Amino acid sequence: ALDDFADGIKHGPDKHSNMPSDGTVHELTRN
């Protein structure tokens, strides 16, 4: 599960989802 988490970040399903319109910190970074 830990390995899958790391791979999930790298190979996430959509690299463009939930992009902040103002260039602030992305939700993925926080999480």
Full PDB file with SEQRES, HELIX, SHEET, SSBOND, CRYST1, ORIGX, SCALE, CONECT and MASTER records, all heavy atoms in Angstrom:
SEQRES   1 A   31  ALA LEU ASP ASP PHE ALA ASP GLY ILE LYS HIS GLY PRO          
SEQRES   2 A   31  ASP LYS HIS SER ASN MET PRO SER ASP GLY THR VAL HIS          
SEQRES   3 A   31  GLU LEU THR ARG ASN                                          
HELIX    1 AA1 LEU A    2  LYS A   10  1                                   9    
HELIX    2 AA2 GLU A   27  ARG A   30  1                                   4    
CRYST1    1.000    1.000    1.000  90.00  90.00  90.00 P 1           1          
ORIGX1      1.000000  0.000000  0.000000        0.00000                         
ORIGX2      0.000000  1.000000  0.000000        0.00000                         
ORIGX3      0.000000  0.000000  1.000000        0.00000                         
SCALE1      1.000000  0.000000  0.000000        0.00000                         
SCALE2      0.000000  1.000000  0.000000        0.00000                         
SCALE3      0.000000  0.000000  1.000000        0.00000                         
ATOM      1  N   ALA A   1       0.833  -1.206   0.000  1.00  0.00           N  
ATOM      2  CA  ALA A   1       0.000   0.000   0.000  1.00  0.00           C  
ATOM      3  C   ALA A   1       0.869   1.257   0.000  1.00  0.00           C  
ATOM      4  O   ALA A   1       0.567   2.238  -0.699  1.00  0.00           O  
ATOM      5  CB  ALA A   1      -0.941   0.002   1.203  1.00  0.00           C  
ATOM      6  N   LEU A   2       1.958   1.247   0.758  1.00  0.00           N  
ATOM      7  CA  LEU A   2       2.890   2.380   0.753  1.00  0.00           C  
ATOM      8  C   LEU A   2       3.523   2.546  -0.628  1.00  0.00           C  
ATOM      9  O   LEU A   2       3.659   3.666  -1.131  1.00  0.00           O  
ATOM     10  CB  LEU A   2       3.976   2.191   1.812  1.00  0.00           C  
ATOM     11  CG  LEU A   2       3.541   2.321   3.264  1.00  0.00           C  
ATOM     12  CD1 LEU A   2       4.663   1.879   4.194  1.00  0.00           C  
ATOM     13  CD2 LEU A   2       3.099   3.737   3.578  1.00  0.00           C  
ATOM     14  N   ASP A   3       3.912   1.444  -1.218  1.00  0.00           N  
ATOM     15  CA  ASP A   3       4.499   1.458  -2.559  1.00  0.00           C  
ATOM     16  C   ASP A   3       3.489   1.996  -3.575  1.00  0.00           C  
ATOM     17  O   ASP A   3       3.836   2.817  -4.431  1.00  0.00           O  
ATOM     18  CB  ASP A   3       4.948   0.047  -2.919  1.00  0.00           C  
ATOM     19  CG  ASP A   3       5.882   0.012  -4.104  1.00  0.00           C  
ATOM     20  OD1 ASP A   3       6.812   0.840  -4.145  1.00  0.00           O  
ATOM     21  OD2 ASP A   3       5.680  -0.844  -4.982  1.00  0.00           O  
ATOM     22  N   ASP A   4       2.261   1.548  -3.473  1.00  0.00           N  
ATOM     23  CA  ASP A   4       1.198   2.019  -4.375  1.00  0.00           C  
ATOM     24  C   ASP A   4       0.940   3.514  -4.198  1.00  0.00           C  
ATOM     25  O   ASP A   4       0.637   4.215  -5.160  1.00  0.00           O  
ATOM     26  CB  ASP A   4      -0.101   1.238  -4.150  1.00  0.00           C  
ATOM     27  CG  ASP A   4      -0.006  -0.195  -4.629  1.00  0.00           C  
ATOM     28  OD1 ASP A   4       0.965  -0.532  -5.358  1.00  0.00           O  
ATOM     29  OD2 ASP A   4      -0.897  -0.990  -4.255  1.00  0.00           O  
ATOM     30  N   PHE A   5       1.054   4.001  -2.962  1.00  0.00           N  
ATOM     31  CA  PHE A   5       0.871   5.435  -2.706  1.00  0.00           C  
ATOM     32  C   PHE A   5       1.908   6.240  -3.480  1.00  0.00           C  
ATOM     33  O   PHE A   5       1.578   7.217  -4.159  1.00  0.00           O  
ATOM     34  CB  PHE A   5       0.971   5.727  -1.206  1.00  0.00           C  
ATOM     35  CG  PHE A   5       0.923   7.191  -0.867  1.00  0.00           C  
ATOM     36  CD1 PHE A   5      -0.282   7.877  -0.868  1.00  0.00           C  
ATOM     37  CD2 PHE A   5       2.086   7.883  -0.562  1.00  0.00           C  
ATOM     38  CE1 PHE A   5      -0.326   9.231  -0.577  1.00  0.00           C  
ATOM     39  CE2 PHE A   5       2.045   9.237  -0.264  1.00  0.00           C  
ATOM     40  CZ  PHE A   5       0.834   9.909  -0.266  1.00  0.00           C  
ATOM     41  N   ALA A   6       3.173   5.827  -3.383  1.00  0.00           N  
ATOM     42  CA  ALA A   6       4.246   6.537  -4.093  1.00  0.00           C  
ATOM     43  C   ALA A   6       4.029   6.477  -5.602  1.00  0.00           C  
ATOM     44  O   ALA A   6       4.184   7.484  -6.300  1.00  0.00           O  
ATOM     45  CB  ALA A   6       5.606   5.955  -3.719  1.00  0.00           C  
ATOM     46  N   ASP A   7       3.674   5.308  -6.101  1.00  0.00           N  
ATOM     47  CA  ASP A   7       3.417   5.167  -7.538  1.00  0.00           C  
ATOM     48  C   ASP A   7       2.196   5.973  -7.963  1.00  0.00           C  
ATOM     49  O   ASP A   7       2.160   6.516  -9.060  1.00  0.00           O  
ATOM     50  CB  ASP A   7       3.220   3.696  -7.916  1.00  0.00           C  
ATOM     51  CG  ASP A   7       4.519   2.914  -7.916  1.00  0.00           C  
ATOM     52  OD1 ASP A   7       5.598   3.550  -7.961  1.00  0.00           O  
ATOM     53  OD2 ASP A   7       4.457   1.671  -7.850  1.00  0.00           O  
ATOM     54  N   GLY A   8       1.203   6.043  -7.093  1.00  0.00           N  
ATOM     55  CA  GLY A   8      -0.002   6.810  -7.392  1.00  0.00           C  
ATOM     56  C   GLY A   8       0.272   8.290  -7.552  1.00  0.00           C  
ATOM     57  O   GLY A   8      -0.358   8.973  -8.367  1.00  0.00           O  
ATOM     58  N   ILE A   9       1.214   8.792  -6.795  1.00  0.00           N  
ATOM     59  CA  ILE A   9       1.588  10.205  -6.930  1.00  0.00           C  
ATOM     60  C   ILE A   9       2.286  10.421  -8.271  1.00  0.00           C  
ATOM     61  O   ILE A   9       1.985  11.355  -8.997  1.00  0.00           O  
ATOM     62  CB  ILE A   9       2.490  10.647  -5.766  1.00  0.00           C  
ATOM     63  CG1 ILE A   9       1.686  10.660  -4.472  1.00  0.00           C  
ATOM     64  CG2 ILE A   9       3.090  12.029  -6.035  1.00  0.00           C  
ATOM     65  CD1 ILE A   9       2.517  10.880  -3.243  1.00  0.00           C  
ATOM     66  N   LYS A  10       3.196   9.531  -8.583  1.00  0.00           N  
ATOM     67  CA  LYS A  10       3.967   9.670  -9.815  1.00  0.00           C  
ATOM     68  C   LYS A  10       3.110   9.449 -11.052  1.00  0.00           C  
ATOM     69  O   LYS A  10       3.202  10.183 -12.028  1.00  0.00           O  
ATOM     70  CB  LYS A  10       5.121   8.679  -9.810  1.00  0.00           C  
ATOM     71  CG  LYS A  10       6.075   8.825 -10.970  1.00  0.00           C  
ATOM     72  CD  LYS A  10       7.237   7.875 -10.823  1.00  0.00           C  
ATOM     73  CE  LYS A  10       8.210   8.022 -11.969  1.00  0.00           C  
ATOM     74  NZ  LYS A  10       9.334   7.083 -11.821  1.00  0.00           N  
ATOM     75  N   HIS A  11       2.276   8.439 -11.008  1.00  0.00           N  
ATOM     76  CA  HIS A  11       1.476   8.051 -12.168  1.00  0.00           C  
ATOM     77  C   HIS A  11      -0.001   8.341 -11.924  1.00  0.00           C  
ATOM     78  O   HIS A  11      -0.849   7.544 -12.302  1.00  0.00           O  
ATOM     79  CB  HIS A  11       1.649   6.555 -12.468  1.00  0.00           C  
ATOM     80  CG  HIS A  11       3.062   6.144 -12.656  1.00  0.00           C  
ATOM     81  ND1 HIS A  11       3.820   6.564 -13.722  1.00  0.00           N  
ATOM     82  CD2 HIS A  11       3.886   5.372 -11.905  1.00  0.00           C  
ATOM     83  CE1 HIS A  11       5.041   6.054 -13.626  1.00  0.00           C  
ATOM     84  NE2 HIS A  11       5.108   5.330 -12.531  1.00  0.00           N  
ATOM     85  N   GLY A  12      -0.282   9.457 -11.276  1.00  0.00           N  
ATOM     86  CA  GLY A  12      -1.667   9.814 -10.971  1.00  0.00           C  
ATOM     87  C   GLY A  12      -2.550   9.772 -12.197  1.00  0.00           C  
ATOM     88  O   GLY A  12      -2.080   9.974 -13.319  1.00  0.00           O  
ATOM     89  N   PRO A  13      -3.843   9.498 -12.012  1.00  0.00           N  
ATOM     90  CA  PRO A  13      -4.739   9.344 -13.146  1.00  0.00           C  
ATOM     91  C   PRO A  13      -4.865  10.596 -14.007  1.00  0.00           C  
ATOM     92  O   PRO A  13      -5.014  10.500 -15.207  1.00  0.00           O  
ATOM     93  CB  PRO A  13      -6.083   8.991 -12.500  1.00  0.00           C  
ATOM     94  CG  PRO A  13      -5.967   9.437 -11.083  1.00  0.00           C  
ATOM     95  CD  PRO A  13      -4.507   9.380 -10.739  1.00  0.00           C  
ATOM     96  N   ASP A  14      -4.780  11.760 -13.388  1.00  0.00           N  
ATOM     97  CA  ASP A  14      -4.938  12.983 -14.161  1.00  0.00           C  
ATOM     98  C   ASP A  14      -3.986  14.040 -13.628  1.00  0.00           C  
ATOM     99  O   ASP A  14      -4.184  14.553 -12.530  1.00  0.00           O  
ATOM    100  CB  ASP A  14      -6.381  13.489 -14.089  1.00  0.00           C  
ATOM    101  CG  ASP A  14      -6.634  14.699 -14.967  1.00  0.00           C  
ATOM    102  OD1 ASP A  14      -5.715  15.096 -15.707  1.00  0.00           O  
ATOM    103  OD2 ASP A  14      -7.740  15.236 -14.922  1.00  0.00           O  
ATOM    104  N   LYS A  15      -2.987  14.355 -14.405  1.00  0.00           N  
ATOM    105  CA  LYS A  15      -1.982  15.331 -13.969  1.00  0.00           C  
ATOM    106  C   LYS A  15      -2.528  16.759 -13.945  1.00  0.00           C  
ATOM    107  O   LYS A  15      -1.889  17.659 -13.460  1.00  0.00           O  
ATOM    108  CB  LYS A  15      -0.759  15.289 -14.896  1.00  0.00           C  
ATOM    109  CG  LYS A  15      -0.099  13.947 -14.977  1.00  0.00           C  
ATOM    110  CD  LYS A  15       0.701  13.656 -13.754  1.00  0.00           C  
ATOM    111  CE  LYS A  15       1.517  12.412 -13.923  1.00  0.00           C  
ATOM    112  NZ  LYS A  15       1.277  11.376 -12.994  1.00  0.00           N  
ATOM    113  N   HIS A  16      -3.719  16.971 -14.488  1.00  0.00           N  
ATOM    114  CA  HIS A  16      -4.241  18.331 -14.616  1.00  0.00           C  
ATOM    115  C   HIS A  16      -5.469  18.588 -13.757  1.00  0.00           C  
ATOM    116  O   HIS A  16      -6.100  19.623 -13.900  1.00  0.00           O  
ATOM    117  CB  HIS A  16      -4.577  18.614 -16.084  1.00  0.00           C  
ATOM    118  CG  HIS A  16      -3.471  18.243 -17.021  1.00  0.00           C  
ATOM    119  ND1 HIS A  16      -2.225  18.811 -16.961  1.00  0.00           N  
ATOM    120  CD2 HIS A  16      -3.406  17.331 -18.009  1.00  0.00           C  
ATOM    121  CE1 HIS A  16      -1.444  18.284 -17.895  1.00  0.00           C  
ATOM    122  NE2 HIS A  16      -2.136  17.376 -18.539  1.00  0.00           N  
ATOM    123  N   SER A  17      -5.790  17.667 -12.877  1.00  0.00           N  
ATOM    124  CA  SER A  17      -7.008  17.841 -12.096  1.00  0.00           C  
ATOM    125  C   SER A  17      -6.811  18.796 -10.924  1.00  0.00           C  
ATOM    126  O   SER A  17      -5.730  18.898 -10.359  1.00  0.00           O  
ATOM    127  CB  SER A  17      -7.502  16.491 -11.585  1.00  0.00           C  
ATOM    128  OG  SER A  17      -6.550  15.930 -10.709  1.00  0.00           O  
ATOM    129  N   ASN A  18      -7.867  19.481 -10.599  1.00  0.00           N  
ATOM    130  CA  ASN A  18      -7.914  20.373  -9.437  1.00  0.00           C  
ATOM    131  C   ASN A  18      -6.807  21.420  -9.417  1.00  0.00           C  
ATOM    132  O   ASN A  18      -6.249  21.718  -8.368  1.00  0.00           O  
ATOM    133  CB  ASN A  18      -7.870  19.569  -8.139  1.00  0.00           C  
ATOM    134  CG  ASN A  18      -8.990  18.576  -8.032  1.00  0.00           C  
ATOM    135  OD1 ASN A  18     -10.094  18.820  -8.508  1.00  0.00           O  
ATOM    136  ND2 ASN A  18      -8.720  17.451  -7.407  1.00  0.00           N  
ATOM    137  N   MET A  19      -6.484  21.959 -10.557  1.00  0.00           N  
ATOM    138  CA  MET A  19      -5.414  22.955 -10.616  1.00  0.00           C  
ATOM    139  C   MET A  19      -5.910  24.285 -10.066  1.00  0.00           C  
ATOM    140  O   MET A  19      -6.957  24.779 -10.486  1.00  0.00           O  
ATOM    141  CB  MET A  19      -4.942  23.142 -12.062  1.00  0.00           C  
ATOM    142  CG  MET A  19      -4.192  21.946 -12.614  1.00  0.00           C  
ATOM    143  SD  MET A  19      -2.712  21.553 -11.679  1.00  0.00           S  
ATOM    144  CE  MET A  19      -1.692  22.959 -12.053  1.00  0.00           C  
ATOM    145  N   PRO A  20      -5.170  24.856  -9.120  1.00  0.00           N  
ATOM    146  CA  PRO A  20      -5.552  26.168  -8.605  1.00  0.00           C  
ATOM    147  C   PRO A  20      -5.368  27.235  -9.694  1.00  0.00           C  
ATOM    148  O   PRO A  20      -4.315  27.284 -10.337  1.00  0.00           O  
ATOM    149  CB  PRO A  20      -4.606  26.395  -7.431  1.00  0.00           C  
ATOM    150  CG  PRO A  20      -3.475  25.456  -7.637  1.00  0.00           C  
ATOM    151  CD  PRO A  20      -3.980  24.326  -8.479  1.00  0.00           C  
ATOM    152  N   SER A  21      -6.370  28.038  -9.896  1.00  0.00           N  
ATOM    153  CA  SER A  21      -6.311  29.021 -10.973  1.00  0.00           C  
ATOM    154  C   SER A  21      -5.302  30.137 -10.698  1.00  0.00           C  
ATOM    155  O   SER A  21      -4.859  30.813 -11.616  1.00  0.00           O  
ATOM    156  CB  SER A  21      -7.698  29.629 -11.205  1.00  0.00           C  
ATOM    157  OG  SER A  21      -8.147  30.268 -10.028  1.00  0.00           O  
ATOM    158  N   ASP A  22      -4.924  30.309  -9.443  1.00  0.00           N  
ATOM    159  CA  ASP A  22      -4.013  31.395  -9.079  1.00  0.00           C  
ATOM    160  C   ASP A  22      -2.587  30.937  -8.789  1.00  0.00           C  
ATOM    161  O   ASP A  22      -1.762  31.705  -8.314  1.00  0.00           O  
ATOM    162  CB  ASP A  22      -4.571  32.153  -7.874  1.00  0.00           C  
ATOM    163  CG  ASP A  22      -4.803  31.256  -6.665  1.00  0.00           C  
ATOM    164  OD1 ASP A  22      -4.603  30.026  -6.775  1.00  0.00           O  
ATOM    165  OD2 ASP A  22      -5.193  31.786  -5.607  1.00  0.00           O  
ATOM    166  N   GLY A  23      -2.267  29.662  -9.058  1.00  0.00           N  
ATOM    167  CA  GLY A  23      -0.900  29.178  -8.884  1.00  0.00           C  
ATOM    168  C   GLY A  23      -0.514  28.883  -7.449  1.00  0.00           C  
ATOM    169  O   GLY A  23       0.669  28.772  -7.142  1.00  0.00           O  
ATOM    170  N   THR A  24      -1.488  28.725  -6.572  1.00  0.00           N  
ATOM    171  CA  THR A  24      -1.178  28.430  -5.172  1.00  0.00           C  
ATOM    172  C   THR A  24      -0.832  26.950  -5.000  1.00  0.00           C  
ATOM    173  O   THR A  24      -0.829  26.183  -5.948  1.00  0.00           O  
ATOM    174  CB  THR A  24      -2.357  28.812  -4.258  1.00  0.00           C  
ATOM    175  OG1 THR A  24      -3.541  28.168  -4.739  1.00  0.00           O  
ATOM    176  CG2 THR A  24      -2.560  30.316  -4.222  1.00  0.00           C  
ATOM    177  N   VAL A  25      -0.576  26.553  -3.770  1.00  0.00           N  
ATOM    178  CA  VAL A  25      -0.163  25.187  -3.457  1.00  0.00           C  
ATOM    179  C   VAL A  25      -1.268  24.208  -3.834  1.00  0.00           C  
ATOM    180  O   VAL A  25      -2.435  24.408  -3.510  1.00  0.00           O  
ATOM    181  CB  VAL A  25       0.192  25.058  -1.956  1.00  0.00           C  
ATOM    182  CG1 VAL A  25       0.518  23.624  -1.591  1.00  0.00           C  
ATOM    183  CG2 VAL A  25       1.344  25.980  -1.608  1.00  0.00           C  
ATOM    184  N   HIS A  26      -0.870  23.144  -4.516  1.00  0.00           N  
ATOM    185  CA  HIS A  26      -1.823  22.136  -4.978  1.00  0.00           C  
ATOM    186  C   HIS A  26      -2.248  21.230  -3.816  1.00  0.00           C  
ATOM    187  O   HIS A  26      -1.466  20.961  -2.901  1.00  0.00           O  
ATOM    188  CB  HIS A  26      -1.200  21.292  -6.089  1.00  0.00           C  
ATOM    189  CG  HIS A  26      -2.196  20.507  -6.866  1.00  0.00           C  
ATOM    190  ND1 HIS A  26      -2.669  19.302  -6.434  1.00  0.00           N  
ATOM    191  CD2 HIS A  26      -2.824  20.770  -8.031  1.00  0.00           C  
ATOM    192  CE1 HIS A  26      -3.545  18.835  -7.310  1.00  0.00           C  
ATOM    193  NE2 HIS A  26      -3.652  19.712  -8.300  1.00  0.00           N  
ATOM    194  N   GLU A  27      -3.460  20.756  -3.902  1.00  0.00           N  
ATOM    195  CA  GLU A  27      -4.019  19.848  -2.899  1.00  0.00           C  
ATOM    196  C   GLU A  27      -3.163  18.588  -2.741  1.00  0.00           C  
ATOM    197  O   GLU A  27      -2.984  18.083  -1.636  1.00  0.00           O  
ATOM    198  CB  GLU A  27      -5.443  19.486  -3.332  1.00  0.00           C  
ATOM    199  CG  GLU A  27      -6.156  18.511  -2.465  1.00  0.00           C  
ATOM    200  CD  GLU A  27      -7.532  18.161  -3.012  1.00  0.00           C  
ATOM    201  OE1 GLU A  27      -7.863  18.529  -4.156  1.00  0.00           O  
ATOM    202  OE2 GLU A  27      -8.261  17.485  -2.279  1.00  0.00           O  
ATOM    203  N   LEU A  28      -2.609  18.079  -3.825  1.00  0.00           N  
ATOM    204  CA  LEU A  28      -1.768  16.884  -3.774  1.00  0.00           C  
ATOM    205  C   LEU A  28      -0.534  17.126  -2.904  1.00  0.00           C  
ATOM    206  O   LEU A  28      -0.126  16.243  -2.144  1.00  0.00           O  
ATOM    207  CB  LEU A  28      -1.339  16.469  -5.187  1.00  0.00           C  
ATOM    208  CG  LEU A  28      -0.401  15.267  -5.269  1.00  0.00           C  
ATOM    209  CD1 LEU A  28      -1.099  13.999  -4.780  1.00  0.00           C  
ATOM    210  CD2 LEU A  28       0.099  15.083  -6.686  1.00  0.00           C  
ATOM    211  N   THR A  29       0.043  18.303  -2.997  1.00  0.00           N  
ATOM    212  CA  THR A  29       1.220  18.637  -2.192  1.00  0.00           C  
ATOM    213  C   THR A  29       0.869  18.593  -0.711  1.00  0.00           C  
ATOM    214  O   THR A  29       1.572  17.974   0.090  1.00  0.00           O  
ATOM    215  CB  THR A  29       1.762  20.031  -2.578  1.00  0.00           C  
ATOM    216  OG1 THR A  29       2.057  20.035  -3.973  1.00  0.00           O  
ATOM    217  CG2 THR A  29       3.004  20.382  -1.788  1.00  0.00           C  
ATOM    218  N   ARG A  30      -0.220  19.248  -0.354  1.00  0.00           N  
ATOM    219  CA  ARG A  30      -0.651  19.258   1.050  1.00  0.00           C  
ATOM    220  C   ARG A  30      -0.937  17.844   1.547  1.00  0.00           C  
ATOM    221  O   ARG A  30      -0.477  17.446   2.617  1.00  0.00           O  
ATOM    222  CB  ARG A  30      -1.906  20.120   1.215  1.00  0.00           C  
ATOM    223  CG  ARG A  30      -1.637  21.594   1.255  1.00  0.00           C  
ATOM    224  CD  ARG A  30      -2.917  22.341   1.676  1.00  0.00           C  
ATOM    225  NE  ARG A  30      -2.978  23.629   1.028  1.00  0.00           N  
ATOM    226  CZ  ARG A  30      -3.526  23.864  -0.169  1.00  0.00           C  
ATOM    227  NH1 ARG A  30      -4.085  22.908  -0.847  1.00  0.00           N  
ATOM    228  NH2 ARG A  30      -3.526  25.080  -0.665  1.00  0.00           N  
ATOM    229  N   ASN A  31      -1.713  17.103   0.776  1.00  0.00           N  
ATOM    230  CA  ASN A  31      -2.107  15.757   1.199  1.00  0.00           C  
ATOM    231  C   ASN A  31      -0.911  14.818   1.320  1.00  0.00           C  
ATOM    232  O   ASN A  31      -0.847  13.991   2.235  1.00  0.00           O  
ATOM    233  CB  ASN A  31      -3.140  15.175   0.237  1.00  0.00           C  
ATOM    234  CG  ASN A  31      -4.470  15.881   0.323  1.00  0.00           C  
ATOM    235  OD1 ASN A  31      -4.769  16.575   1.299  1.00  0.00           O  
ATOM    236  ND2 ASN A  31      -5.279  15.734  -0.699  1.00  0.00           N  
TER     237      ASN A  31                                                      
MASTER        0    0    0    2    0    0    0    6  236    1    0    3          
END                                                                             
